[in-house]
Amino acid sequence: MKTTPLISIIIRAKNEEKWISSCLNSLFRQDLNNFEVILVDNCSVDRTIEKAQRFPISKIVSINEFFPGKALNLGIQNSRGKYLVCLSAHCIPVNTKWLKSLLDGFEKDTAGVYGRQEPMAFTRDVDKRDLINIFGLDKKVQKKDPFFHNANSMIRKNVWETFPFSETATNIEDRLWAMEILKHGYNIIYEPDASVYHYHGINQGRNIERAKSVVCILEEFYPTQQTPYNDKNLNISVIIPVKAPVKKIGNISLLEVSIKAFQQSKFINHIIVAADNQEHLAIAESMNAEGIYRPEYLSYSYIELIKVYQYILESKRISGDMPDIVFLAEEKFPFRTFQIIDKMIEQFQNSDSDSVIAAQPIYNTLWRANEESMERIDNGFMPTKFKDPICKSLYGLGAVMYSGLLLQGKKLGSKTGLFLVDDPYNVFSVSSTEEQKIAQILYPAWKQYNEKRGVD
């Protein structure tokens, strides 16, 4: 009669008192009984350990600095089995054949077997959807696909000795391990008969931070395609609205400073100056920018700039030279760099945003007055590095969007992204005579500094 090899079951847990008893009850009812259980606990402060100790587990080890792969490696280092099961403490084997199904799934070149995960009745719909879609009913042999899941898996110990789990990955240590062993000729098997109940699913609902972390790791191995949008196949134009009089810092006008920055951009292929006077139009012409005269009624103080932008785009549509994407910029930001311009456009192109605006993160103590009192709107008194910033939009520094939105009279789209700018120079604006004097003092030194760095 064939002897069943010793199996070591490694369970990772942190504050799992709600599930640990159900998990262990199901384990110790398995048809295969030649196994040991090692619990790796991450500083639980509830009754996880107390409840676990009611079962004949072999060892409890603690880990303070938790990384998923590091926790598994620690448990495995304390194990004796020929085969290693990785099981989350909140996963409950569905039946008594679970462990045997994992073991029987191994073939000659198999490094690991992972099982099915089923939702519970009260699992959130978004997690139910994921579990049902991902964990099907057909067995699979994977020779290229590195999907693997350590909430419910078994691997060979001799393979682990050569290929341990990453101890620095914050997530998907299982898939990173699978990528490595597939490159060395092993395969992975999905065995649906080895099923567990998993209440929160593989993506933990809508945990955005977790999703970002997972994607960050995956993109190292599966670089996403860059957007096809670039200056070769899209008309990306900047519109700079100006009104008389011409404002200067020293001997150079604010308009000239702005035009120069946009001329250095690798994306902008057309610069449009919307002016209400001949002097500004002459400056635009001298710098090979297009000057469009805006009617007097569009320069009244109560007229919003959206009306000016619409006027320009309508004229472009009539002439058949309608831009695909527009960058809106006011001349009053003399310390705007072409790097900011290009990074904003890149952010716009590489996201699903229909508009991106520049914004300044503010960490100060901020209040809002209401009818009866003052309301605190920041995170309260805490060190700045722990605070979430309140963002001040800088629409005049830069706003990137589809031209169609402006034609519809919209300043922003329904999906607006923020491009954060925290350099005190970049966010400085010239709206008053005093600010003009300050800029006149700062600009020469700033320009010289940037030239030395190759920035401007």
Protein backbone atom coordinates (compact mmCIF):
# COMPACT_ATOMS: atom_id res chain seq x y z
CA MET A 1 0.00 0.00 0.00
CA LYS A 2 1.33 3.41 -1.02
CA THR A 3 2.36 5.55 1.95
CA THR A 4 1.09 9.10 2.00
CA PRO A 5 4.01 11.55 2.36
CA LEU A 6 3.94 13.99 5.24
CA ILE A 7 2.18 17.22 4.31
CA SER A 8 2.89 20.49 6.10
CA ILE A 9 -0.03 22.94 6.15
CA ILE A 10 1.11 26.53 6.60
CA ILE A 11 -1.62 28.90 7.76
CA ARG A 12 -1.07 32.66 7.79
CA ALA A 13 -3.24 34.58 10.23
CA LYS A 14 -3.82 38.02 11.68
CA ASN A 15 -6.85 38.58 13.91
CA GLU A 16 -8.74 35.64 12.42
CA GLU A 17 -10.68 34.50 15.51
CA LYS A 18 -13.88 34.60 13.46
CA TRP A 19 -12.60 31.96 11.02
CA ILE A 20 -9.73 29.99 12.57
CA SER A 21 -11.90 27.42 14.36
CA SER A 22 -13.94 26.64 11.22
CA CYS A 23 -10.73 26.39 9.19
CA LEU A 24 -9.04 24.00 11.63
CA ASN A 25 -12.22 21.94 12.21
CA SER A 26 -12.36 21.23 8.50
CA LEU A 27 -8.64 20.44 8.34
CA PHE A 28 -8.76 17.86 11.09
CA ARG A 29 -11.69 16.06 9.43
CA GLN A 30 -9.76 15.37 6.23
CA ASP A 31 -9.60 11.83 4.85
CA LEU A 32 -5.82 12.18 4.65
CA ASN A 33 -4.43 12.56 8.15
CA ASN A 34 -0.67 12.44 7.66
CA PHE A 35 -0.12 16.16 8.05
CA GLU A 36 1.14 18.82 10.43
CA VAL A 37 -0.17 22.35 10.89
CA ILE A 38 2.09 25.37 11.38
CA LEU A 39 0.36 28.63 12.23
CA VAL A 40 2.24 31.81 11.29
CA ASP A 41 0.67 34.61 13.31
CA ASN A 42 1.14 38.28 12.50
CA CYS A 43 0.74 39.90 15.93
CA SER A 44 -2.93 39.03 16.41
CA VAL A 45 -4.55 40.93 19.27
CA ASP A 46 -7.81 38.96 19.28
CA ARG A 47 -8.39 35.30 20.26
CA THR A 48 -6.85 33.76 17.13
CA ILE A 49 -4.04 31.96 18.99
CA GLU A 50 -6.24 30.98 21.91
CA LYS A 51 -8.71 29.30 19.56
CA ALA A 52 -5.98 27.69 17.45
CA GLN A 53 -4.42 26.10 20.53
CA ARG A 54 -7.59 24.06 21.06
CA PHE A 55 -6.52 21.97 18.06
CA PRO A 56 -3.50 19.63 17.76
CA ILE A 57 -1.45 22.01 15.68
CA SER A 58 2.28 21.31 15.57
CA LYS A 59 3.74 24.77 15.94
CA ILE A 60 2.89 28.46 16.25
CA VAL A 61 5.46 30.95 14.99
CA SER A 62 5.19 34.72 15.05
CA ILE A 63 6.13 37.32 12.48
CA ASN A 64 6.27 41.03 13.21
CA GLU A 65 7.25 42.55 9.87
CA PHE A 66 4.67 40.94 7.61
CA PHE A 67 5.21 40.21 3.95
CA PRO A 68 3.13 37.35 2.52
CA GLY A 69 6.05 35.42 1.07
CA LYS A 70 8.20 36.01 4.14
CA ALA A 71 5.46 34.60 6.37
CA LEU A 72 5.16 31.47 4.22
CA ASN A 73 8.94 30.97 4.13
CA LEU A 74 9.05 31.25 7.90
CA GLY A 75 6.36 28.61 8.29
CA ILE A 76 8.03 26.32 5.78
CA GLN A 77 11.38 26.66 7.55
CA ASN A 78 9.66 25.26 10.63
CA SER A 79 8.03 22.38 8.72
CA ARG A 80 8.97 18.74 8.03
CA GLY A 81 6.68 17.79 5.15
CA LYS A 82 7.54 16.72 1.61
CA TYR A 83 4.56 18.73 0.33
CA LEU A 84 3.58 22.17 1.54
CA VAL A 85 0.06 23.55 1.71
CA CYS A 86 -0.47 27.32 1.79
CA LEU A 87 -3.84 28.16 3.31
CA SER A 88 -5.33 31.42 4.50
CA ALA A 89 -6.89 31.30 7.96
CA HIS A 90 -10.20 32.55 6.58
CA CYS A 91 -10.39 29.79 3.97
CA ILE A 92 -12.43 26.72 4.90
CA PRO A 93 -12.01 23.42 3.01
CA VAL A 94 -15.38 22.48 1.50
CA ASN A 95 -15.22 18.75 2.18
CA THR A 96 -13.07 15.95 3.60
CA LYS A 97 -11.44 15.19 0.23
CA TRP A 98 -9.86 18.64 -0.15
CA LEU A 99 -6.33 17.69 0.95
CA LYS A 100 -6.30 14.47 -1.09
CA SER A 101 -7.50 16.36 -4.17
CA LEU A 102 -4.58 18.78 -3.90
CA LEU A 103 -2.07 15.95 -3.53
CA ASP A 104 -3.57 13.83 -6.31
CA GLY A 105 -3.38 16.82 -8.65
CA PHE A 106 0.40 16.54 -8.98
CA GLU A 107 1.88 15.15 -12.18
CA LYS A 108 5.50 14.49 -13.15
CA ASP A 109 6.58 18.07 -13.90
CA THR A 110 4.15 19.83 -11.58
CA ALA A 111 5.61 22.28 -9.08
CA GLY A 112 2.34 23.41 -7.54
CA VAL A 113 -1.39 22.78 -7.47
CA TYR A 114 -3.97 25.38 -6.50
CA GLY A 115 -7.60 24.77 -5.78
CA ARG A 116 -10.98 26.31 -6.30
CA GLN A 117 -12.30 29.16 -4.16
CA GLU A 118 -16.04 29.45 -3.64
CA PRO A 119 -17.94 32.42 -2.21
CA MET A 120 -20.09 32.22 0.88
CA ALA A 121 -23.74 33.23 0.97
CA PHE A 122 -22.88 36.61 2.50
CA THR A 123 -19.81 37.34 0.34
CA ARG A 124 -20.13 40.72 -1.37
CA ASP A 125 -21.42 40.56 -4.92
CA VAL A 126 -18.24 42.02 -6.40
CA ASP A 127 -16.21 39.24 -4.74
CA LYS A 128 -18.72 36.56 -5.69
CA ARG A 129 -18.42 37.67 -9.29
CA ASP A 130 -14.62 37.40 -9.22
CA LEU A 131 -14.53 34.00 -7.54
CA ILE A 132 -17.13 32.47 -9.84
CA ASN A 133 -15.49 33.87 -12.98
CA ILE A 134 -11.92 32.93 -12.07
CA PHE A 135 -12.28 29.54 -10.42
CA GLY A 136 -14.09 27.33 -12.91
CA LEU A 137 -15.00 23.64 -12.91
CA ASP A 138 -12.42 22.34 -15.39
CA LYS A 139 -8.98 21.14 -14.37
CA LYS A 140 -6.18 23.05 -16.10
CA VAL A 141 -2.50 22.43 -16.75
CA GLN A 142 -0.67 25.76 -16.97
CA LYS A 143 2.63 25.87 -18.79
CA LYS A 144 2.65 29.61 -19.59
CA ASP A 145 -0.06 31.19 -17.46
CA PRO A 146 1.46 32.11 -14.05
CA PHE A 147 -1.82 32.58 -12.21
CA PHE A 148 -1.46 30.82 -8.86
CA HIS A 149 -3.09 31.54 -5.53
CA ASN A 150 -1.67 30.80 -2.09
CA ALA A 151 -4.98 31.14 -0.29
CA ASN A 152 -5.43 27.48 -1.27
CA SER A 153 -2.42 25.73 -2.80
CA MET A 154 0.14 22.95 -2.45
CA ILE A 155 3.75 22.93 -3.66
CA ARG A 156 6.67 20.52 -3.58
CA LYS A 157 9.16 21.30 -0.82
CA ASN A 158 12.15 20.42 -2.99
CA VAL A 159 11.00 23.00 -5.53
CA TRP A 160 10.57 25.60 -2.78
CA GLU A 161 14.13 24.92 -1.59
CA THR A 162 15.36 26.18 -4.96
CA PHE A 163 12.63 28.76 -5.49
CA PRO A 164 11.43 30.22 -2.17
CA PHE A 165 8.77 32.93 -2.11
CA SER A 166 9.77 36.57 -2.42
CA GLU A 167 10.23 38.16 0.99
CA THR A 168 9.91 41.73 -0.26
CA ALA A 169 6.77 41.60 -2.43
CA THR A 170 3.80 43.24 -0.73
CA ASN A 171 1.31 41.21 -2.79
CA ILE A 172 1.03 38.34 -5.33
CA GLU A 173 4.06 36.49 -4.05
CA ASP A 174 2.30 33.40 -5.44
CA ARG A 175 2.26 34.68 -9.03
CA LEU A 176 5.86 35.86 -8.81
CA TRP A 177 6.84 32.38 -7.66
CA ALA A 178 4.82 30.82 -10.48
CA MET A 179 6.52 33.00 -13.10
CA GLU A 180 9.88 31.77 -11.90
CA ILE A 181 9.12 28.05 -11.84
CA LEU A 182 7.40 28.13 -15.25
CA LYS A 183 10.59 29.58 -16.72
CA HIS A 184 12.41 26.50 -15.44
CA GLY A 185 10.21 23.93 -17.15
CA TYR A 186 7.70 23.13 -14.42
CA ASN A 187 3.95 23.38 -14.81
CA ILE A 188 1.12 24.47 -12.52
CA ILE A 189 -2.19 22.71 -12.16
CA TYR A 190 -5.58 24.09 -11.21
CA GLU A 191 -7.61 21.41 -9.43
CA PRO A 192 -11.26 22.43 -8.95
CA ASP A 193 -12.01 19.43 -6.70
CA ALA A 194 -9.73 20.92 -4.03
CA SER A 195 -12.15 23.65 -3.05
CA VAL A 196 -12.39 26.07 -0.14
CA TYR A 197 -14.87 28.72 0.92
CA HIS A 198 -13.25 32.16 0.77
CA TYR A 199 -15.46 34.92 2.10
CA HIS A 200 -13.73 38.08 0.80
CA GLY A 201 -12.53 36.89 -2.59
CA ILE A 202 -9.15 37.26 -4.24
CA ASN A 203 -9.32 41.01 -4.78
CA GLN A 204 -10.75 41.97 -1.39
CA GLY A 205 -13.65 43.91 -2.82
CA ARG A 206 -12.84 47.39 -3.99
CA ASN A 207 -9.60 47.82 -2.09
CA ILE A 208 -8.07 50.44 -4.39
CA GLU A 209 -4.72 50.65 -2.60
CA ARG A 210 -4.30 46.89 -2.84
CA ALA A 211 -5.18 47.02 -6.54
CA LYS A 212 -2.57 49.72 -7.13
CA SER A 213 0.06 47.67 -5.32
CA VAL A 214 -0.77 44.52 -7.29
CA VAL A 215 -0.72 46.36 -10.62
CA CYS A 216 2.59 48.02 -9.75
CA ILE A 217 4.17 44.60 -9.24
CA LEU A 218 2.56 43.03 -12.30
CA GLU A 219 3.61 45.84 -14.62
CA GLU A 220 7.24 45.03 -13.89
CA PHE A 221 6.68 41.71 -15.67
CA TYR A 222 3.83 42.64 -18.02
CA PRO A 223 4.47 46.21 -19.19
CA THR A 224 1.22 47.77 -20.30
CA GLN A 225 1.02 49.14 -23.80
CA GLN A 226 1.62 52.84 -23.94
CA THR A 227 -1.12 54.94 -25.42
CA PRO A 228 -0.83 55.46 -29.19
CA TYR A 229 -1.50 59.16 -28.69
CA ASN A 230 1.47 61.33 -29.55
CA ASP A 231 2.40 64.41 -31.50
CA LYS A 232 2.56 62.42 -34.74
CA ASN A 233 -1.08 61.42 -34.95
CA LEU A 234 -2.89 63.94 -32.77
CA ASN A 235 -3.27 67.66 -32.98
CA ILE A 236 -2.42 68.87 -29.49
CA SER A 237 -2.78 72.62 -29.28
CA VAL A 238 -2.29 75.11 -26.47
CA ILE A 239 -4.58 78.11 -26.12
CA ILE A 240 -3.20 81.12 -24.23
CA PRO A 241 -5.77 83.89 -23.59
CA VAL A 242 -4.33 87.37 -22.99
CA LYS A 243 -5.73 90.85 -22.49
CA ALA A 244 -4.17 94.31 -22.65
CA PRO A 245 -1.95 95.67 -21.29
CA VAL A 246 1.15 93.59 -21.98
CA LYS A 247 2.64 92.46 -18.66
CA LYS A 248 6.39 92.11 -18.33
CA ILE A 249 9.00 90.83 -15.93
CA GLY A 250 12.07 92.84 -16.73
CA ASN A 251 12.45 93.14 -20.49
CA ILE A 252 10.41 90.07 -21.39
CA SER A 253 6.65 89.75 -21.51
CA LEU A 254 4.78 87.03 -19.65
CA LEU A 255 3.38 85.89 -22.99
CA GLU A 256 6.88 85.36 -24.40
CA VAL A 257 7.84 83.29 -21.36
CA SER A 258 4.77 81.09 -21.80
CA ILE A 259 5.24 80.62 -25.54
CA LYS A 260 8.87 79.61 -25.04
CA ALA A 261 7.90 76.89 -22.56
CA PHE A 262 5.34 75.44 -24.96
CA GLN A 263 7.76 75.56 -27.88
CA GLN A 264 10.04 73.22 -25.93
CA SER A 265 7.27 70.66 -25.39
CA LYS A 266 7.59 67.41 -27.32
CA PHE A 267 3.81 67.11 -27.59
CA ILE A 268 2.47 70.57 -28.38
CA ASN A 269 2.34 71.09 -32.14
CA HIS A 270 0.34 74.32 -32.30
CA ILE A 271 0.35 77.43 -30.10
CA ILE A 272 -2.67 79.72 -30.25
CA VAL A 273 -2.73 83.14 -28.60
CA ALA A 274 -6.21 84.60 -28.11
CA ALA A 275 -5.59 88.35 -27.76
CA ASP A 276 -7.75 91.47 -27.65
CA ASN A 277 -4.94 93.82 -28.79
CA GLN A 278 -2.40 94.16 -31.58
CA GLU A 279 0.65 94.23 -29.30
CA HIS A 280 0.03 90.71 -28.02
CA LEU A 281 -0.75 89.51 -31.54
CA ALA A 282 2.58 90.95 -32.73
CA ILE A 283 4.44 89.08 -29.98
CA ALA A 284 2.74 85.84 -31.04
CA GLU A 285 3.63 86.40 -34.68
CA SER A 286 7.26 87.17 -33.85
CA MET A 287 7.52 83.84 -32.04
CA ASN A 288 5.82 81.80 -34.78
CA ALA A 289 2.67 81.28 -32.74
CA GLU A 290 -0.80 81.81 -34.19
CA GLY A 291 -2.51 84.95 -32.97
CA ILE A 292 -6.30 85.08 -33.10
CA TYR A 293 -8.08 88.33 -32.31
CA ARG A 294 -10.87 87.92 -29.81
CA PRO A 295 -13.78 90.37 -29.98
CA GLU A 296 -14.11 93.11 -27.40
CA TYR A 297 -17.17 91.50 -25.80
CA LEU A 298 -15.00 88.52 -24.86
CA SER A 299 -12.69 90.73 -22.80
CA TYR A 300 -15.25 92.10 -20.37
CA SER A 301 -14.35 91.32 -16.77
CA TYR A 302 -17.48 89.27 -16.21
CA ILE A 303 -16.87 86.96 -19.20
CA GLU A 304 -15.57 83.51 -18.28
CA LEU A 305 -12.57 82.16 -20.15
CA ILE A 306 -14.62 79.15 -21.28
CA LYS A 307 -16.34 81.55 -23.72
CA VAL A 308 -12.96 82.54 -25.16
CA TYR A 309 -11.93 78.91 -25.56
CA GLN A 310 -15.21 78.10 -27.28
CA TYR A 311 -14.76 81.04 -29.66
CA ILE A 312 -11.28 79.85 -30.66
CA LEU A 313 -12.35 76.24 -31.15
CA GLU A 314 -15.37 77.22 -33.20
CA SER A 315 -13.10 79.18 -35.54
CA LYS A 316 -10.80 76.18 -35.77
CA ARG A 317 -13.67 73.85 -36.52
CA ILE A 318 -14.82 76.11 -39.35
CA SER A 319 -11.31 76.21 -40.80
CA GLY A 320 -10.96 72.44 -40.55
CA ASP A 321 -8.03 72.65 -38.13
CA MET A 322 -9.81 71.52 -34.96
CA PRO A 323 -7.36 70.22 -32.30
CA ASP A 324 -7.97 66.79 -30.79
CA ILE A 325 -6.60 67.78 -27.39
CA VAL A 326 -6.18 71.24 -25.92
CA PHE A 327 -3.84 72.49 -23.24
CA LEU A 328 -5.26 75.58 -21.56
CA ALA A 329 -2.75 77.95 -20.02
CA GLU A 330 -2.70 81.50 -18.73
CA GLU A 331 0.37 83.70 -19.09
CA LYS A 332 0.44 84.59 -15.40
CA PHE A 333 2.57 81.53 -14.45
CA PRO A 334 6.10 82.58 -15.48
CA PHE A 335 7.78 79.61 -13.78
CA ARG A 336 5.89 76.95 -15.74
CA THR A 337 8.37 74.52 -17.35
CA PHE A 338 8.04 72.37 -20.43
CA GLN A 339 8.57 69.34 -18.17
CA ILE A 340 5.31 70.14 -16.36
CA ILE A 341 3.56 70.55 -19.72
CA ASP A 342 4.78 67.21 -21.06
CA LYS A 343 4.15 65.30 -17.84
CA MET A 344 0.59 66.61 -17.70
CA ILE A 345 -0.02 65.47 -21.26
CA GLU A 346 1.54 62.08 -20.56
CA GLN A 347 -0.66 61.65 -17.49
CA PHE A 348 -3.69 62.54 -19.58
CA GLN A 349 -2.76 60.09 -22.34
CA ASN A 350 -1.87 57.22 -19.99
CA SER A 351 -5.05 57.36 -17.93
CA ASP A 352 -8.77 57.12 -18.55
CA SER A 353 -9.23 60.77 -17.55
CA ASP A 354 -11.02 63.06 -19.96
CA SER A 355 -9.36 66.08 -18.33
CA VAL A 356 -6.30 66.69 -16.16
CA ILE A 357 -5.65 69.89 -14.23
CA ALA A 358 -2.63 71.14 -12.33
CA ALA A 359 -3.14 71.29 -8.58
CA GLN A 360 -1.09 72.31 -5.57
CA PRO A 361 -1.14 69.99 -2.53
CA ILE A 362 -1.65 71.96 0.69
CA TYR A 363 -0.90 70.52 4.12
CA ASN A 364 -1.74 73.58 6.23
CA THR A 365 -4.44 73.87 8.85
CA LEU A 366 -7.53 74.72 6.82
CA TRP A 367 -10.92 75.95 7.94
CA ARG A 368 -14.22 76.67 6.25
CA ALA A 369 -16.72 79.18 7.62
CA ASN A 370 -20.37 78.22 7.85
CA GLU A 371 -23.31 80.15 9.27
CA GLU A 372 -22.60 79.36 12.92
CA SER A 373 -18.99 78.30 13.29
CA MET A 374 -15.72 77.34 11.63
CA GLU A 375 -15.33 73.83 10.25
CA ARG A 376 -11.94 72.11 10.07
CA ILE A 377 -11.41 70.57 6.60
CA ASP A 378 -7.89 69.13 6.86
CA ASN A 379 -6.88 65.96 8.72
CA GLY A 380 -6.31 67.72 12.02
CA PHE A 381 -3.18 68.16 14.11
CA MET A 382 -0.64 65.58 13.02
CA PRO A 383 2.81 65.50 11.43
CA THR A 384 2.64 66.70 7.82
CA LYS A 385 3.99 63.44 6.39
CA PHE A 386 0.92 61.62 7.69
CA LYS A 387 -1.59 64.13 6.35
CA ASP A 388 -3.67 63.83 3.21
CA PRO A 389 -3.33 67.10 1.31
CA ILE A 390 -6.14 69.43 0.33
CA CYS A 391 -5.56 70.21 -3.35
CA LYS A 392 -5.87 73.71 -4.76
CA SER A 393 -6.63 73.66 -8.47
CA LEU A 394 -4.37 75.72 -10.72
CA TYR A 395 -6.42 75.75 -13.90
CA GLY A 396 -4.36 78.61 -15.33
CA LEU A 397 -1.09 76.74 -14.82
CA GLY A 398 -2.41 73.92 -16.93
CA ALA A 399 -5.51 72.01 -17.92
CA VAL A 400 -5.50 69.25 -20.53
CA MET A 401 -8.73 67.93 -22.05
CA TYR A 402 -10.53 66.87 -25.16
CA SER A 403 -11.58 69.82 -27.28
CA GLY A 404 -15.14 68.49 -27.49
CA LEU A 405 -15.65 69.13 -23.79
CA LEU A 406 -14.93 72.83 -24.22
CA LEU A 407 -17.25 73.09 -27.18
CA GLN A 408 -19.97 71.68 -24.92
CA GLY A 409 -19.26 74.46 -22.44
CA LYS A 410 -17.62 72.17 -19.89
CA LYS A 411 -14.56 73.30 -17.96
CA LEU A 412 -13.80 69.74 -16.87
CA GLY A 413 -14.88 66.25 -17.80
CA SER A 414 -16.62 63.69 -15.61
CA LYS A 415 -13.28 61.91 -15.06
CA THR A 416 -10.81 64.56 -13.97
CA GLY A 417 -7.31 63.75 -12.84
CA LEU A 418 -5.03 65.97 -10.75
CA PHE A 419 -1.43 66.65 -11.66
CA LEU A 420 0.22 67.65 -8.40
CA VAL A 421 2.74 70.50 -8.47
CA ASP A 422 4.40 71.43 -5.19
CA ASP A 423 7.41 73.46 -6.36
CA PRO A 424 6.83 76.98 -4.94
CA TYR A 425 8.25 78.53 -8.11
CA ASN A 426 6.00 76.61 -10.49
CA VAL A 427 2.81 77.57 -8.65
CA PHE A 428 3.68 81.26 -8.31
CA SER A 429 1.27 83.43 -10.31
CA VAL A 430 1.43 87.07 -11.34
CA SER A 431 -1.93 88.78 -10.90
CA SER A 432 -0.98 92.03 -9.21
CA THR A 433 1.67 94.73 -9.55
CA GLU A 434 3.39 93.49 -6.40
CA GLU A 435 3.54 89.94 -7.69
CA GLN A 436 4.93 91.27 -10.96
CA LYS A 437 7.74 92.97 -9.02
CA ILE A 438 8.48 89.78 -7.10
CA ALA A 439 8.59 87.75 -10.32
CA GLN A 440 10.95 90.32 -11.87
CA ILE A 441 13.38 89.74 -9.00
CA LEU A 442 13.08 85.94 -9.00
CA TYR A 443 12.95 85.20 -12.71
CA PRO A 444 16.59 85.87 -13.75
CA ALA A 445 18.03 83.74 -10.95
CA TRP A 446 15.48 80.96 -11.53
CA LYS A 447 16.17 80.97 -15.28
CA GLN A 448 19.94 80.83 -14.76
CA TYR A 449 19.58 77.97 -12.26
CA ASN A 450 17.40 75.95 -14.63
CA GLU A 451 19.70 76.55 -17.57
CA LYS A 452 22.60 75.07 -15.57
CA ARG A 453 20.46 72.02 -14.84
CA GLY A 454 19.34 71.77 -18.44
CA VAL A 455 15.74 72.25 -17.42
CA ASP A 456 14.93 75.45 -19.29
